[in-house]
PDB file of N, CA and C in Angstrom:
ATOM      1  N   MET A   1       0.838  -1.195   0.000  1.00  0.00           N
ATOM      2  CA  MET A   1       0.000   0.000   0.000  1.00  0.00           C
ATOM      3  C   MET A   1       0.871   1.243   0.000  1.00  0.00           C
ATOM      4  N   GLY A   2       0.819   2.011  -1.073  1.00  0.00           N
ATOM      5  CA  GLY A   2       1.562   3.269  -1.129  1.00  0.00           C
ATOM      6  C   GLY A   2       3.058   3.062  -1.237  1.00  0.00           C
ATOM      7  N   ARG A   3       3.757   4.137  -1.118  1.00  0.00           N
ATOM      8  CA  ARG A   3       5.214   4.099  -1.208  1.00  0.00           C
ATOM      9  C   ARG A   3       5.813   4.074   0.190  1.00  0.00           C
ATOM     10  N   CYS A   4       6.973   3.459   0.296  1.00  0.00           N
ATOM     11  CA  CYS A   4       7.650   3.464   1.589  1.00  0.00           C
ATOM     12  C   CYS A   4       8.276   4.841   1.814  1.00  0.00           C
ATOM     13  N   ARG A   5       8.611   5.128   3.036  1.00  0.00           N
ATOM     14  CA  ARG A   5       9.145   6.447   3.395  1.00  0.00           C
ATOM     15  C   ARG A   5      10.422   6.783   2.636  1.00  0.00           C
ATOM     16  N   ALA A   6      11.250   5.783   2.403  1.00  0.00           N
ATOM     17  CA  ALA A   6      12.503   6.030   1.688  1.00  0.00           C
ATOM     18  C   ALA A   6      12.235   6.466   0.249  1.00  0.00           C
ATOM     19  N   GLU A   7      11.228   5.876  -0.385  1.00  0.00           N
ATOM     20  CA  GLU A   7      10.903   6.267  -1.751  1.00  0.00           C
ATOM     21  C   GLU A   7      10.382   7.695  -1.796  1.00  0.00           C
ATOM     22  N   VAL A   8       9.540   8.060  -0.853  1.00  0.00           N
ATOM     23  CA  VAL A   8       8.998   9.421  -0.797  1.00  0.00           C
ATOM     24  C   VAL A   8      10.132  10.409  -0.542  1.00  0.00           C
ATOM     25  N   ALA A   9      11.030  10.077   0.369  1.00  0.00           N
ATOM     26  CA  ALA A   9      12.176  10.948   0.646  1.00  0.00           C
ATOM     27  C   ALA A   9      13.040  11.108  -0.600  1.00  0.00           C
ATOM     28  N   ALA A  10      13.252  10.028  -1.329  1.00  0.00           N
ATOM     29  CA  ALA A  10      14.064  10.090  -2.544  1.00  0.00           C
ATOM     30  C   ALA A  10      13.420  11.000  -3.587  1.00  0.00           C
ATOM     31  N   ILE A  11      12.110  10.952  -3.704  1.00  0.00           N
ATOM     32  CA  ILE A  11      11.400  11.815  -4.654  1.00  0.00           C
ATOM     33  C   ILE A  11      11.601  13.279  -4.274  1.00  0.00           C
ATOM     34  N   PHE A  12      11.431  13.596  -2.983  1.00  0.00           N
ATOM     35  CA  PHE A  12      11.604  14.981  -2.541  1.00  0.00           C
ATOM     36  C   PHE A  12      13.038  15.451  -2.728  1.00  0.00           C
ATOM     37  N   TYR A  13      14.022  14.613  -2.389  1.00  0.00           N
ATOM     38  CA  TYR A  13      15.424  14.994  -2.584  1.00  0.00           C
ATOM     39  C   TYR A  13      15.711  15.251  -4.054  1.00  0.00           C
ATOM     40  N   SER A  14      15.140  14.428  -4.931  1.00  0.00           N
ATOM     41  CA  SER A  14      15.340  14.606  -6.360  1.00  0.00           C
ATOM     42  C   SER A  14      14.741  15.924  -6.843  1.00  0.00           C
ATOM     43  N   LEU A  15      13.517  16.218  -6.397  1.00  0.00           N
ATOM     44  CA  LEU A  15      12.863  17.468  -6.797  1.00  0.00           C
ATOM     45  C   LEU A  15      13.632  18.679  -6.282  1.00  0.00           C
ATOM     46  N   ILE A  16      14.056  18.624  -5.034  1.00  0.00           N
ATOM     47  CA  ILE A  16      14.797  19.744  -4.450  1.00  0.00           C
ATOM     48  C   ILE A  16      16.158  19.905  -5.129  1.00  0.00           C
ATOM     49  N   GLY A  17      16.807  18.791  -5.451  1.00  0.00           N
ATOM     50  CA  GLY A  17      18.079  18.850  -6.172  1.00  0.00           C
ATOM     51  C   GLY A  17      17.921  19.466  -7.550  1.00  0.00           C
ATOM     52  N   THR A  18      16.821  19.131  -8.220  1.00  0.00           N
ATOM     53  CA  THR A  18      16.556  19.714  -9.531  1.00  0.00           C
ATOM     54  C   THR A  18      16.313  21.212  -9.402  1.00  0.00           C
ATOM     55  N   CYS A  19      15.588  21.612  -8.355  1.00  0.00           N
ATOM     56  CA  CYS A  19      15.362  23.046  -8.123  1.00  0.00           C
ATOM     57  C   CYS A  19      16.688  23.770  -7.926  1.00  0.00           C
ATOM     58  N   ARG A  20      17.576  23.187  -7.152  1.00  0.00           N
ATOM     59  CA  ARG A  20      18.883  23.808  -6.929  1.00  0.00           C
ATOM     60  C   ARG A  20      19.665  23.925  -8.224  1.00  0.00           C
ATOM     61  N   MET A  21      19.615  22.853  -9.038  1.00  0.00           N
ATOM     62  CA  MET A  21      20.327  22.866 -10.307  1.00  0.00           C
ATOM     63  C   MET A  21      19.787  23.961 -11.230  1.00  0.00           C
ATOM     64  N   LEU A  22      18.463  24.172 -11.187  1.00  0.00           N
ATOM     65  CA  LEU A  22      17.834  25.178 -12.028  1.00  0.00           C
ATOM     66  C   LEU A  22      17.843  26.566 -11.396  1.00  0.00           C
ATOM     67  N   LYS A  23      18.364  26.649 -10.163  1.00  0.00           N
ATOM     68  CA  LYS A  23      18.443  27.905  -9.415  1.00  0.00           C
ATOM     69  C   LYS A  23      17.063  28.536  -9.197  1.00  0.00           C
ATOM     70  N   ILE A  24      16.102  27.671  -8.798  1.00  0.00           N
ATOM     71  CA  ILE A  24      14.781  28.180  -8.426  1.00  0.00           C
ATOM     72  C   ILE A  24      14.542  27.868  -6.957  1.00  0.00           C
ATOM     73  N   ASP A  25      13.699  28.648  -6.332  1.00  0.00           N
ATOM     74  CA  ASP A  25      13.385  28.487  -4.916  1.00  0.00           C
ATOM     75  C   ASP A  25      12.562  27.214  -4.720  1.00  0.00           C
ATOM     76  N   SER A  26      13.141  26.224  -4.032  1.00  0.00           N
ATOM     77  CA  SER A  26      12.460  24.938  -3.863  1.00  0.00           C
ATOM     78  C   SER A  26      11.182  25.072  -3.042  1.00  0.00           C
ATOM     79  N   ARG A  27      11.142  25.993  -2.095  1.00  0.00           N
ATOM     80  CA  ARG A  27       9.918  26.179  -1.294  1.00  0.00           C
ATOM     81  C   ARG A  27       8.775  26.703  -2.161  1.00  0.00           C
ATOM     82  N   LYS A  28       9.087  27.672  -3.015  1.00  0.00           N
ATOM     83  CA  LYS A  28       8.057  28.201  -3.917  1.00  0.00           C
ATOM     84  C   LYS A  28       7.588  27.113  -4.874  1.00  0.00           C
ATOM     85  N   TYR A  29       8.539  26.326  -5.377  1.00  0.00           N
ATOM     86  CA  TYR A  29       8.172  25.250  -6.293  1.00  0.00           C
ATOM     87  C   TYR A  29       7.276  24.226  -5.595  1.00  0.00           C
ATOM     88  N   LEU A  30       7.678  23.758  -4.410  1.00  0.00           N
ATOM     89  CA  LEU A  30       6.894  22.736  -3.713  1.00  0.00           C
ATOM     90  C   LEU A  30       5.496  23.242  -3.371  1.00  0.00           C
ATOM     91  N   ARG A  31       5.383  24.505  -3.000  1.00  0.00           N
ATOM     92  CA  ARG A  31       4.066  25.088  -2.724  1.00  0.00           C
ATOM     93  C   ARG A  31       3.214  25.106  -3.990  1.00  0.00           C
ATOM     94  N   ALA A  32       3.807  25.541  -5.102  1.00  0.00           N
ATOM     95  CA  ALA A  32       3.075  25.593  -6.369  1.00  0.00           C
ATOM     96  C   ALA A  32       2.683  24.183  -6.822  1.00  0.00           C
ATOM     97  N   ALA A  33       3.581  23.219  -6.657  1.00  0.00           N
ATOM     98  CA  ALA A  33       3.287  21.840  -7.051  1.00  0.00           C
ATOM     99  C   ALA A  33       2.147  21.268  -6.217  1.00  0.00           C
ATOM    100  N   ALA A  34       2.136  21.575  -4.915  1.00  0.00           N
ATOM    101  CA  ALA A  34       1.053  21.099  -4.048  1.00  0.00           C
ATOM    102  C   ALA A  34      -0.268  21.743  -4.443  1.00  0.00           C
ATOM    103  N   GLU A  35      -0.245  23.033  -4.762  1.00  0.00           N
ATOM    104  CA  GLU A  35      -1.470  23.730  -5.171  1.00  0.00           C
ATOM    105  C   GLU A  35      -2.025  23.151  -6.465  1.00  0.00           C
ATOM    106  N   VAL A  36      -1.148  22.840  -7.413  1.00  0.00           N
ATOM    107  CA  VAL A  36      -1.588  22.239  -8.677  1.00  0.00           C
ATOM    108  C   VAL A  36      -2.186  20.859  -8.419  1.00  0.00           C
ATOM    109  N   ALA A  37      -1.517  20.064  -7.591  1.00  0.00           N
ATOM    110  CA  ALA A  37      -1.997  18.710  -7.306  1.00  0.00           C
ATOM    111  C   ALA A  37      -3.351  18.734  -6.601  1.00  0.00           C
ATOM    112  N   LEU A  38      -3.547  19.691  -5.708  1.00  0.00           N
ATOM    113  CA  LEU A  38      -4.819  19.780  -4.980  1.00  0.00           C
ATOM    114  C   LEU A  38      -5.946  20.312  -5.859  1.00  0.00           C
ATOM    115  N   SER A  39      -5.622  21.234  -6.739  1.00  0.00           N
ATOM    116  CA  SER A  39      -6.672  21.833  -7.568  1.00  0.00           C
ATOM    117  C   SER A  39      -7.029  20.971  -8.776  1.00  0.00           C
ATOM    118  N   THR A  40      -6.074  20.176  -9.241  1.00  0.00           N
ATOM    119  CA  THR A  40      -6.299  19.328 -10.410  1.00  0.00           C
ATOM    120  C   THR A  40      -5.742  17.935 -10.121  1.00  0.00           C
ATOM    121  N   PRO A  41      -6.555  17.057  -9.545  1.00  0.00           N
ATOM    122  CA  PRO A  41      -6.064  15.708  -9.222  1.00  0.00           C
ATOM    123  C   PRO A  41      -5.453  15.012 -10.442  1.00  0.00           C
ATOM    124  N   GLY A  42      -4.293  14.427 -10.229  1.00  0.00           N
ATOM    125  CA  GLY A  42      -3.588  13.744 -11.306  1.00  0.00           C
ATOM    126  C   GLY A  42      -2.592  14.620 -12.034  1.00  0.00           C
ATOM    127  N   ALA A  43      -2.674  15.927 -11.831  1.00  0.00           N
ATOM    128  CA  ALA A  43      -1.746  16.849 -12.492  1.00  0.00           C
ATOM    129  C   ALA A  43      -0.410  16.870 -11.752  1.00  0.00           C
ATOM    130  N   VAL A  44       0.643  17.084 -12.499  1.00  0.00           N
ATOM    131  CA  VAL A  44       1.989  17.126 -11.921  1.00  0.00           C
ATOM    132  C   VAL A  44       2.695  18.376 -12.433  1.00  0.00           C
ATOM    133  N   LEU A  45       3.288  19.123 -11.532  1.00  0.00           N
ATOM    134  CA  LEU A  45       4.091  20.286 -11.905  1.00  0.00           C
ATOM    135  C   LEU A  45       5.551  19.940 -11.630  1.00  0.00           C
ATOM    136  N   LEU A  46       6.325  19.824 -12.689  1.00  0.00           N
ATOM    137  CA  LEU A  46       7.743  19.514 -12.553  1.00  0.00           C
ATOM    138  C   LEU A  46       8.547  20.804 -12.453  1.00  0.00           C
ATOM    139  N   PRO A  47       9.744  20.738 -11.854  1.00  0.00           N
ATOM    140  CA  PRO A  47      10.547  21.949 -11.698  1.00  0.00           C
ATOM    141  C   PRO A  47      10.808  22.687 -13.014  1.00  0.00           C
ATOM    142  N   HIS A  48      11.042  21.962 -14.101  1.00  0.00           N
ATOM    143  CA  HIS A  48      11.288  22.615 -15.394  1.00  0.00           C
ATOM    144  C   HIS A  48      10.054  23.408 -15.844  1.00  0.00           C
ATOM    145  N   ASP A  49       8.873  22.828 -15.619  1.00  0.00           N
ATOM    146  CA  ASP A  49       7.633  23.507 -15.987  1.00  0.00           C
ATOM    147  C   ASP A  49       7.408  24.736 -15.107  1.00  0.00           C
ATOM    148  N   PHE A  50       7.736  24.618 -13.826  1.00  0.00           N
ATOM    149  CA  PHE A  50       7.615  25.750 -12.912  1.00  0.00           C
ATOM    150  C   PHE A  50       8.534  26.880 -13.338  1.00  0.00           C
ATOM    151  N   GLN A  51       9.761  26.533 -13.714  1.00  0.00           N
ATOM    152  CA  GLN A  51      10.719  27.546 -14.155  1.00  0.00           C
ATOM    153  C   GLN A  51      10.214  28.252 -15.407  1.00  0.00           C
ATOM    154  N   ALA A  52       9.669  27.493 -16.335  1.00  0.00           N
ATOM    155  CA  ALA A  52       9.150  28.092 -17.569  1.00  0.00           C
ATOM    156  C   ALA A  52       7.980  29.004 -17.274  1.00  0.00           C
ATOM    157  N   ALA A  53       7.111  28.616 -16.338  1.00  0.00           N
ATOM    158  CA  ALA A  53       5.965  29.450 -15.975  1.00  0.00           C
ATOM    159  C   ALA A  53       6.424  30.742 -15.291  1.00  0.00           C
ATOM    160  N   GLN A  54       7.500  30.679 -14.528  1.00  0.00           N
ATOM    161  CA  GLN A  54       8.025  31.858 -13.856  1.00  0.00           C
ATOM    162  C   GLN A  54       8.613  32.846 -14.858  1.00  0.00           C
ATOM    163  N   ALA A  55       9.127  32.337 -15.968  1.00  0.00           N
ATOM    164  CA  ALA A  55       9.738  33.189 -16.976  1.00  0.00           C
ATOM    165  C   ALA A  55       8.695  33.966 -17.772  1.00  0.00           C
ATOM    166  N   ASP A  56       7.458  33.453 -17.803  1.00  0.00           N
ATOM    167  CA  ASP A  56       6.393  34.126 -18.572  1.00  0.00           C
ATOM    168  C   ASP A  56       5.922  35.390 -17.932  1.00  0.00           C
TER     169      ASP A  56
END
């Protein structure tokens, strides 16, 4: 049932690492990703997409 804690931690570390690589604020990204997921079930906001949206 669901993912184990290590898998969830690995996903978050990967997302935060990508944010650092792209030089975007990981807190802003995670907040935006959570808002997208809550407002549109099944939707995913990746760091690259967040960066592109910030540039617009």
